[in-house]
Protein backbone atom coordinates (compact mmCIF):
# COMPACT_ATOMS: atom_id res chain seq x y z
CA MET A 1 -58.38 -9.59 18.65
CA ASP A 2 -59.03 -10.21 15.44
CA ASN A 3 -57.55 -6.72 13.81
CA ILE A 4 -53.81 -8.66 16.17
CA GLU A 5 -54.50 -11.55 14.32
CA HIS A 6 -54.83 -9.68 10.89
CA ARG A 7 -51.78 -7.82 11.42
CA VAL A 8 -49.91 -10.72 12.48
CA GLU A 9 -50.73 -12.33 9.71
CA GLU A 10 -49.31 -9.29 7.19
CA LEU A 11 -46.36 -9.47 8.88
CA GLU A 12 -46.07 -12.70 8.38
CA MET A 13 -46.88 -12.75 4.48
CA LYS A 14 -44.11 -9.48 4.66
CA LEU A 15 -41.42 -11.38 6.86
CA ALA A 16 -41.73 -15.06 3.84
CA PHE A 17 -41.82 -12.66 1.14
CA GLN A 18 -38.80 -10.93 2.57
CA ASP A 19 -36.82 -14.23 3.27
CA GLY A 20 -37.50 -15.34 -0.42
CA THR A 21 -36.03 -12.08 -1.26
CA ILE A 22 -32.77 -12.26 0.80
CA GLU A 23 -32.29 -15.73 -0.47
CA GLU A 24 -32.59 -14.83 -4.32
CA LEU A 25 -30.24 -12.00 -3.48
CA ASN A 26 -27.81 -14.36 -1.86
CA GLN A 27 -27.63 -16.84 -4.86
CA GLN A 28 -27.19 -13.76 -7.03
CA VAL A 29 -24.34 -12.28 -5.08
CA ILE A 30 -22.71 -16.14 -4.97
CA LYS A 31 -23.07 -16.45 -8.96
CA LEU A 32 -21.43 -12.90 -9.32
CA ASN A 33 -18.28 -14.08 -6.64
CA ASP A 34 -17.78 -16.78 -8.94
CA VAL A 35 -17.89 -14.80 -12.23
CA VAL A 36 -15.35 -12.60 -10.21
CA ALA A 37 -13.25 -15.14 -9.15
CA LEU A 38 -13.18 -16.42 -13.18
CA GLN A 39 -12.22 -13.36 -14.21
CA GLN A 40 -9.59 -12.38 -12.18
CA GLU A 41 -7.73 -15.96 -12.63
CA GLN A 42 -8.28 -14.80 -16.27
CA LEU A 43 -6.58 -11.81 -15.74
CA ARG A 44 -3.88 -13.31 -13.87
CA LEU A 45 -3.15 -15.89 -16.73
CA LEU A 46 -3.32 -12.85 -19.52
CA LEU A 47 -0.96 -10.54 -17.35
CA SER A 48 1.44 -13.85 -16.73
CA LYS A 49 1.30 -14.20 -20.82
CA LEU A 50 1.62 -10.55 -21.65
CA GLN A 51 4.90 -10.64 -19.35
CA SER A 52 6.22 -13.56 -21.02
CA VAL A 53 6.00 -12.12 -24.49
CA GLU A 54 9.24 -10.62 -25.96
CA PRO A 55 9.96 -7.33 -24.61
CA SER A 56 9.22 -4.30 -27.21
CA ASN A 57 11.59 -2.97 -29.79
CA MET A 58 9.96 0.76 -28.04
CA ALA A 59 12.70 2.11 -25.97
CA THR A 60 11.47 3.32 -22.45
CA GLN A 61 10.95 6.81 -21.41
CA ALA A 62 13.95 7.23 -19.71
CA ASP A 63 15.93 5.85 -22.72
CA GLU A 64 14.22 8.01 -24.93
CA THR A 65 16.67 10.82 -25.76
CA PRO A 66 14.89 14.10 -26.02
CA PRO A 67 14.00 16.18 -28.20
CA PRO A 68 16.59 18.91 -29.74
CA HIS A 69 14.53 21.78 -28.50
CA TYR A 70 15.16 20.66 -25.06
């Protein structure tokens, strides 16, 4: 019986450690999710600002005349 009690205690300690680890990982995932959401919003704002800037003076590839060797 002493062996079974020892094994149960070991399993309880491992379970407690795993519960703590899972909670720490969960908190990290929450933080990373917040960071990603913020970065996505910043990227949307940046794209919006870039699109509102006056168009470039460069001709698009379709508007560009081909070089003489074509």
